[in-house]
Amino acid sequence: MAVRHCLIKTSPGTVWAVLADGTRYADWVVGTATSRPIRGRWPQVDAAIGYEVRIGPVGLTNETVVRRCEEGTVLELEAKAGWLGTARIAIELRPWGEDCLVIVDEHPLRGAGGLLHNVGTETLIQLRHRAMLARLARLCEAEGRSGAEETAQGREARTGVGAPPGDDHA
């Protein structure tokens, strides 16, 4: 089982907002060229996103389905990869001070991926997760900074006063 974690320097709410936006799936999932909602309302249970993986000129389309969602804290997905089978991907968000600890747990469920699962494939999943969590962190931290700037600008517009002394986020 490939379990990896990352401390993202923004709130769990900001991270959840990115995960809950089905149109942004390809922005943080490594190997995904494009994505689009195809069924249901993401991230509700049974909602699905269609995605394309590009390997040179070849494009493979598949889908990811929400299997469990606890809004703001847990998102469990089943990623379908054609003849390779399916994988369970569980993403958990935990508050860590003002930041968010993200824990990703992935393992094959069905098909060739499950039958051929070994230390080598586990290593590849770990490398993919490292890159995926780095992408997610960049996106979420940028969102958090822009949200903090908007909040500070709104406060200044309403009150005519800038950020309070010691407020490092403005």
C-alpha atoms as a PDB file:
ATOM      1  CA  MET A   1       0.000   0.000   0.000  1.00  0.00           C
ATOM      2  CA  ALA A   2       1.496   3.343  -1.074  1.00  0.00           C
ATOM      3  CA  VAL A   3       0.933   5.899   1.675  1.00  0.00           C
ATOM      4  CA  ARG A   4       2.464   9.349   1.393  1.00  0.00           C
ATOM      5  CA  HIS A   5       1.867  12.625   3.195  1.00  0.00           C
ATOM      6  CA  CYS A   6       2.581  16.302   2.624  1.00  0.00           C
ATOM      7  CA  LEU A   7       2.197  19.380   4.792  1.00  0.00           C
ATOM      8  CA  ILE A   8       0.564  22.069   2.675  1.00  0.00           C
ATOM      9  CA  LYS A   9       1.000  25.610   3.947  1.00  0.00           C
ATOM     10  CA  THR A  10      -2.622  26.683   3.741  1.00  0.00           C
ATOM     11  CA  SER A  11      -5.892  25.790   5.429  1.00  0.00           C
ATOM     12  CA  PRO A  12      -7.678  22.456   4.966  1.00  0.00           C
ATOM     13  CA  GLY A  13     -10.589  24.469   3.533  1.00  0.00           C
ATOM     14  CA  THR A  14      -8.395  25.797   0.733  1.00  0.00           C
ATOM     15  CA  VAL A  15      -7.084  22.302  -0.056  1.00  0.00           C
ATOM     16  CA  TRP A  16     -10.618  20.900  -0.029  1.00  0.00           C
ATOM     17  CA  ALA A  17     -11.782  23.632  -2.423  1.00  0.00           C
ATOM     18  CA  VAL A  18      -9.185  22.468  -4.968  1.00  0.00           C
ATOM     19  CA  LEU A  19     -10.013  18.756  -4.508  1.00  0.00           C
ATOM     20  CA  ALA A  20     -13.753  19.462  -4.718  1.00  0.00           C
ATOM     21  CA  ASP A  21     -13.414  21.304  -8.045  1.00  0.00           C
ATOM     22  CA  GLY A  22     -13.774  18.558 -10.634  1.00  0.00           C
ATOM     23  CA  THR A  23     -12.529  20.837 -13.395  1.00  0.00           C
ATOM     24  CA  ARG A  24      -9.100  21.070 -11.668  1.00  0.00           C
ATOM     25  CA  TYR A  25      -8.404  17.317 -11.404  1.00  0.00           C
ATOM     26  CA  ALA A  26      -5.861  17.370 -14.260  1.00  0.00           C
ATOM     27  CA  ASP A  27      -4.063  20.278 -12.563  1.00  0.00           C
ATOM     28  CA  TRP A  28      -2.873  18.121  -9.663  1.00  0.00           C
ATOM     29  CA  VAL A  29      -3.118  14.474 -10.792  1.00  0.00           C
ATOM     30  CA  VAL A  30       0.176  13.423 -12.383  1.00  0.00           C
ATOM     31  CA  GLY A  31      -0.140  11.834 -15.808  1.00  0.00           C
ATOM     32  CA  THR A  32      -3.547  13.343 -16.521  1.00  0.00           C
ATOM     33  CA  ALA A  33      -3.575  15.576 -19.619  1.00  0.00           C
ATOM     34  CA  THR A  34      -7.214  16.684 -19.455  1.00  0.00           C
ATOM     35  CA  SER A  35     -10.234  16.076 -17.259  1.00  0.00           C
ATOM     36  CA  ARG A  36     -13.930  16.898 -17.230  1.00  0.00           C
ATOM     37  CA  PRO A  37     -16.928  16.004 -15.077  1.00  0.00           C
ATOM     38  CA  ILE A  38     -18.977  13.293 -16.810  1.00  0.00           C
ATOM     39  CA  ARG A  39     -21.528  12.171 -14.233  1.00  0.00           C
ATOM     40  CA  GLY A  40     -23.038  13.523 -11.040  1.00  0.00           C
ATOM     41  CA  ARG A  41     -21.896  16.475  -8.986  1.00  0.00           C
ATOM     42  CA  TRP A  42     -18.251  16.205  -7.953  1.00  0.00           C
ATOM     43  CA  PRO A  43     -17.270  15.247  -5.228  1.00  0.00           C
ATOM     44  CA  GLN A  44     -20.550  13.571  -4.259  1.00  0.00           C
ATOM     45  CA  VAL A  45     -20.569   9.760  -4.091  1.00  0.00           C
ATOM     46  CA  ASP A  46     -20.814   8.132  -7.550  1.00  0.00           C
ATOM     47  CA  ALA A  47     -19.886  11.351  -9.372  1.00  0.00           C
ATOM     48  CA  ALA A  48     -17.262  10.726 -12.056  1.00  0.00           C
ATOM     49  CA  ILE A  49     -14.576  12.611 -13.899  1.00  0.00           C
ATOM     50  CA  GLY A  50     -13.394  11.509 -17.312  1.00  0.00           C
ATOM     51  CA  TYR A  51      -9.697  12.007 -17.917  1.00  0.00           C
ATOM     52  CA  GLU A  52      -7.138  11.488 -20.623  1.00  0.00           C
ATOM     53  CA  VAL A  53      -3.619  10.192 -20.163  1.00  0.00           C
ATOM     54  CA  ARG A  54      -1.267  11.038 -23.034  1.00  0.00           C
ATOM     55  CA  ILE A  55       1.746   8.916 -23.880  1.00  0.00           C
ATOM     56  CA  GLY A  56       3.318  10.599 -26.871  1.00  0.00           C
ATOM     57  CA  PRO A  57       0.702  10.749 -29.632  1.00  0.00           C
ATOM     58  CA  VAL A  58      -1.494   8.136 -27.933  1.00  0.00           C
ATOM     59  CA  GLY A  59      -4.311   9.232 -25.638  1.00  0.00           C
ATOM     60  CA  LEU A  60      -6.091   6.871 -23.268  1.00  0.00           C
ATOM     61  CA  THR A  61      -9.397   7.911 -21.728  1.00  0.00           C
ATOM     62  CA  ASN A  62     -10.706   6.574 -18.446  1.00  0.00           C
ATOM     63  CA  GLU A  63     -12.678   7.751 -15.459  1.00  0.00           C
ATOM     64  CA  THR A  64     -12.367   8.288 -11.725  1.00  0.00           C
ATOM     65  CA  VAL A  65     -15.410   7.741  -9.504  1.00  0.00           C
ATOM     66  CA  VAL A  66     -16.039   9.107  -6.013  1.00  0.00           C
ATOM     67  CA  ARG A  67     -16.650   6.172  -3.655  1.00  0.00           C
ATOM     68  CA  ARG A  68     -16.651   8.054  -0.324  1.00  0.00           C
ATOM     69  CA  CYS A  69     -16.783  11.708   0.582  1.00  0.00           C
ATOM     70  CA  GLU A  70     -16.741  13.326   3.994  1.00  0.00           C
ATOM     71  CA  GLU A  71     -16.842  16.973   3.027  1.00  0.00           C
ATOM     72  CA  GLY A  72     -13.726  18.833   4.014  1.00  0.00           C
ATOM     73  CA  THR A  73     -11.798  15.823   5.317  1.00  0.00           C
ATOM     74  CA  VAL A  74     -11.954  12.612   3.235  1.00  0.00           C
ATOM     75  CA  LEU A  75     -12.192  11.887  -0.476  1.00  0.00           C
ATOM     76  CA  GLU A  76     -11.934   8.274  -1.661  1.00  0.00           C
ATOM     77  CA  LEU A  77     -11.736   7.617  -5.371  1.00  0.00           C
ATOM     78  CA  GLU A  78     -11.694   4.616  -7.650  1.00  0.00           C
ATOM     79  CA  ALA A  79      -9.510   5.322 -10.668  1.00  0.00           C
ATOM     80  CA  LYS A  80     -10.228   3.122 -13.662  1.00  0.00           C
ATOM     81  CA  ALA A  81      -7.319   2.395 -15.985  1.00  0.00           C
ATOM     82  CA  GLY A  82      -8.757   0.101 -18.658  1.00  0.00           C
ATOM     83  CA  TRP A  83      -7.099  -3.318 -18.822  1.00  0.00           C
ATOM     84  CA  LEU A  84      -4.764  -2.337 -15.967  1.00  0.00           C
ATOM     85  CA  GLY A  85      -7.770  -2.431 -13.652  1.00  0.00           C
ATOM     86  CA  THR A  86      -8.743  -0.022 -10.904  1.00  0.00           C
ATOM     87  CA  ALA A  87      -7.091   1.579  -7.912  1.00  0.00           C
ATOM     88  CA  ARG A  88      -8.436   2.964  -4.641  1.00  0.00           C
ATOM     89  CA  ILE A  89      -7.069   6.409  -3.844  1.00  0.00           C
ATOM     90  CA  ALA A  90      -7.924   7.787  -0.408  1.00  0.00           C
ATOM     91  CA  ILE A  91      -7.108  11.415   0.386  1.00  0.00           C
ATOM     92  CA  GLU A  92      -7.403  12.612   3.967  1.00  0.00           C
ATOM     93  CA  LEU A  93      -7.050  16.213   5.129  1.00  0.00           C
ATOM     94  CA  ARG A  94      -6.065  17.018   8.708  1.00  0.00           C
ATOM     95  CA  PRO A  95      -5.666  20.463  10.235  1.00  0.00           C
ATOM     96  CA  TRP A  96      -2.073  20.966  11.373  1.00  0.00           C
ATOM     97  CA  GLY A  97      -1.927  24.318  13.116  1.00  0.00           C
ATOM     98  CA  GLU A  98      -2.837  26.783  10.387  1.00  0.00           C
ATOM     99  CA  ASP A  99      -1.722  24.323   7.704  1.00  0.00           C
ATOM    100  CA  CYS A 100      -3.111  21.114   6.227  1.00  0.00           C
ATOM    101  CA  LEU A 101      -1.602  17.640   6.456  1.00  0.00           C
ATOM    102  CA  VAL A 102      -2.624  15.675   3.354  1.00  0.00           C
ATOM    103  CA  ILE A 103      -2.344  11.880   3.469  1.00  0.00           C
ATOM    104  CA  VAL A 104      -2.733   9.854   0.266  1.00  0.00           C
ATOM    105  CA  ASP A 105      -3.187   6.085   0.389  1.00  0.00           C
ATOM    106  CA  GLU A 106      -3.393   4.171  -2.901  1.00  0.00           C
ATOM    107  CA  HIS A 107      -3.573   0.512  -3.765  1.00  0.00           C
ATOM    108  CA  PRO A 108      -4.791  -1.555  -6.720  1.00  0.00           C
ATOM    109  CA  LEU A 109      -8.235  -3.113  -6.446  1.00  0.00           C
ATOM    110  CA  ARG A 110      -8.949  -5.049  -9.620  1.00  0.00           C
ATOM    111  CA  GLY A 111      -7.358  -6.185 -12.841  1.00  0.00           C
ATOM    112  CA  ALA A 112      -3.745  -6.553 -13.897  1.00  0.00           C
ATOM    113  CA  GLY A 113      -2.624  -3.824 -11.491  1.00  0.00           C
ATOM    114  CA  GLY A 114      -3.760  -5.903  -8.548  1.00  0.00           C
ATOM    115  CA  LEU A 115      -2.303  -9.136  -9.895  1.00  0.00           C
ATOM    116  CA  LEU A 116       1.068  -7.589 -10.753  1.00  0.00           C
ATOM    117  CA  HIS A 117       1.354  -5.398  -7.661  1.00  0.00           C
ATOM    118  CA  ASN A 118       4.840  -5.660  -6.175  1.00  0.00           C
ATOM    119  CA  VAL A 119       7.644  -3.613  -4.624  1.00  0.00           C
ATOM    120  CA  GLY A 120       8.547  -2.132  -8.017  1.00  0.00           C
ATOM    121  CA  THR A 121       5.055  -0.841  -8.750  1.00  0.00           C
ATOM    122  CA  GLU A 122       4.821   0.393  -5.155  1.00  0.00           C
ATOM    123  CA  THR A 123       7.968   2.464  -5.731  1.00  0.00           C
ATOM    124  CA  LEU A 124       6.518   3.961  -8.919  1.00  0.00           C
ATOM    125  CA  ILE A 125       3.303   4.877  -7.073  1.00  0.00           C
ATOM    126  CA  GLN A 126       5.366   6.554  -4.337  1.00  0.00           C
ATOM    127  CA  LEU A 127       7.245   8.633  -6.928  1.00  0.00           C
ATOM    128  CA  ARG A 128       3.985   9.589  -8.612  1.00  0.00           C
ATOM    129  CA  HIS A 129       2.484  10.608  -5.268  1.00  0.00           C
ATOM    130  CA  ARG A 130       5.501  12.763  -4.436  1.00  0.00           C
ATOM    131  CA  ALA A 131       4.985  14.669  -7.693  1.00  0.00           C
ATOM    132  CA  MET A 132       1.199  14.781  -7.280  1.00  0.00           C
ATOM    133  CA  LEU A 133       1.388  16.164  -3.734  1.00  0.00           C
ATOM    134  CA  ALA A 134       3.945  18.768  -4.837  1.00  0.00           C
ATOM    135  CA  ARG A 135       1.540  19.896  -7.580  1.00  0.00           C
ATOM    136  CA  LEU A 136      -1.368  19.972  -5.147  1.00  0.00           C
ATOM    137  CA  ALA A 137       0.702  21.991  -2.654  1.00  0.00           C
ATOM    138  CA  ARG A 138       1.683  24.568  -5.296  1.00  0.00           C
ATOM    139  CA  LEU A 139      -1.939  24.996  -6.403  1.00  0.00           C
ATOM    140  CA  CYS A 140      -3.362  25.210  -2.894  1.00  0.00           C
ATOM    141  CA  GLU A 141      -0.675  27.506  -1.509  1.00  0.00           C
ATOM    142  CA  ALA A 142      -1.182  29.862  -4.477  1.00  0.00           C
ATOM    143  CA  GLU A 143      -4.952  29.768  -3.820  1.00  0.00           C
ATOM    144  CA  GLY A 144      -4.338  30.461  -0.126  1.00  0.00           C
ATOM    145  CA  ARG A 145      -2.071  33.432  -0.904  1.00  0.00           C
ATOM    146  CA  SER A 146      -4.534  34.947  -3.385  1.00  0.00           C
ATOM    147  CA  GLY A 147      -7.380  34.430  -0.895  1.00  0.00           C
ATOM    148  CA  ALA A 148      -5.377  36.138   1.868  1.00  0.00           C
ATOM    149  CA  GLU A 149      -4.552  39.035  -0.468  1.00  0.00           C
ATOM    150  CA  GLU A 150      -8.233  39.391  -1.425  1.00  0.00           C
ATOM    151  CA  THR A 151      -9.208  39.356   2.259  1.00  0.00           C
ATOM    152  CA  ALA A 152      -6.636  42.041   3.096  1.00  0.00           C
ATOM    153  CA  GLN A 153      -7.708  44.160   0.108  1.00  0.00           C
ATOM    154  CA  GLY A 154     -11.375  43.790   1.070  1.00  0.00           C
ATOM    155  CA  ARG A 155     -10.606  44.764   4.669  1.00  0.00           C
ATOM    156  CA  GLU A 156      -8.688  47.828   3.467  1.00  0.00           C
ATOM    157  CA  ALA A 157     -11.477  48.822   1.062  1.00  0.00           C
ATOM    158  CA  ARG A 158     -14.144  48.496   3.791  1.00  0.00           C
ATOM    159  CA  THR A 159     -12.240  50.174   6.610  1.00  0.00           C
ATOM    160  CA  GLY A 160      -9.583  52.293   4.937  1.00  0.00           C
ATOM    161  CA  VAL A 161      -7.070  50.461   7.150  1.00  0.00           C
ATOM    162  CA  GLY A 162      -4.449  47.986   5.986  1.00  0.00           C
ATOM    163  CA  ALA A 163      -3.626  44.669   7.597  1.00  0.00           C
ATOM    164  CA  PRO A 164      -3.239  44.728  11.375  1.00  0.00           C
ATOM    165  CA  PRO A 165       0.358  44.860  12.689  1.00  0.00           C
ATOM    166  CA  GLY A 166       1.978  41.431  12.736  1.00  0.00           C
ATOM    167  CA  ASP A 167      -0.365  40.033  10.059  1.00  0.00           C
ATOM    168  CA  ASP A 168       2.125  38.237   7.816  1.00  0.00           C
ATOM    169  CA  HIS A 169      -0.530  37.031   5.385  1.00  0.00           C
ATOM    170  CA  ALA A 170      -1.389  40.381   3.848  1.00  0.00           C
END
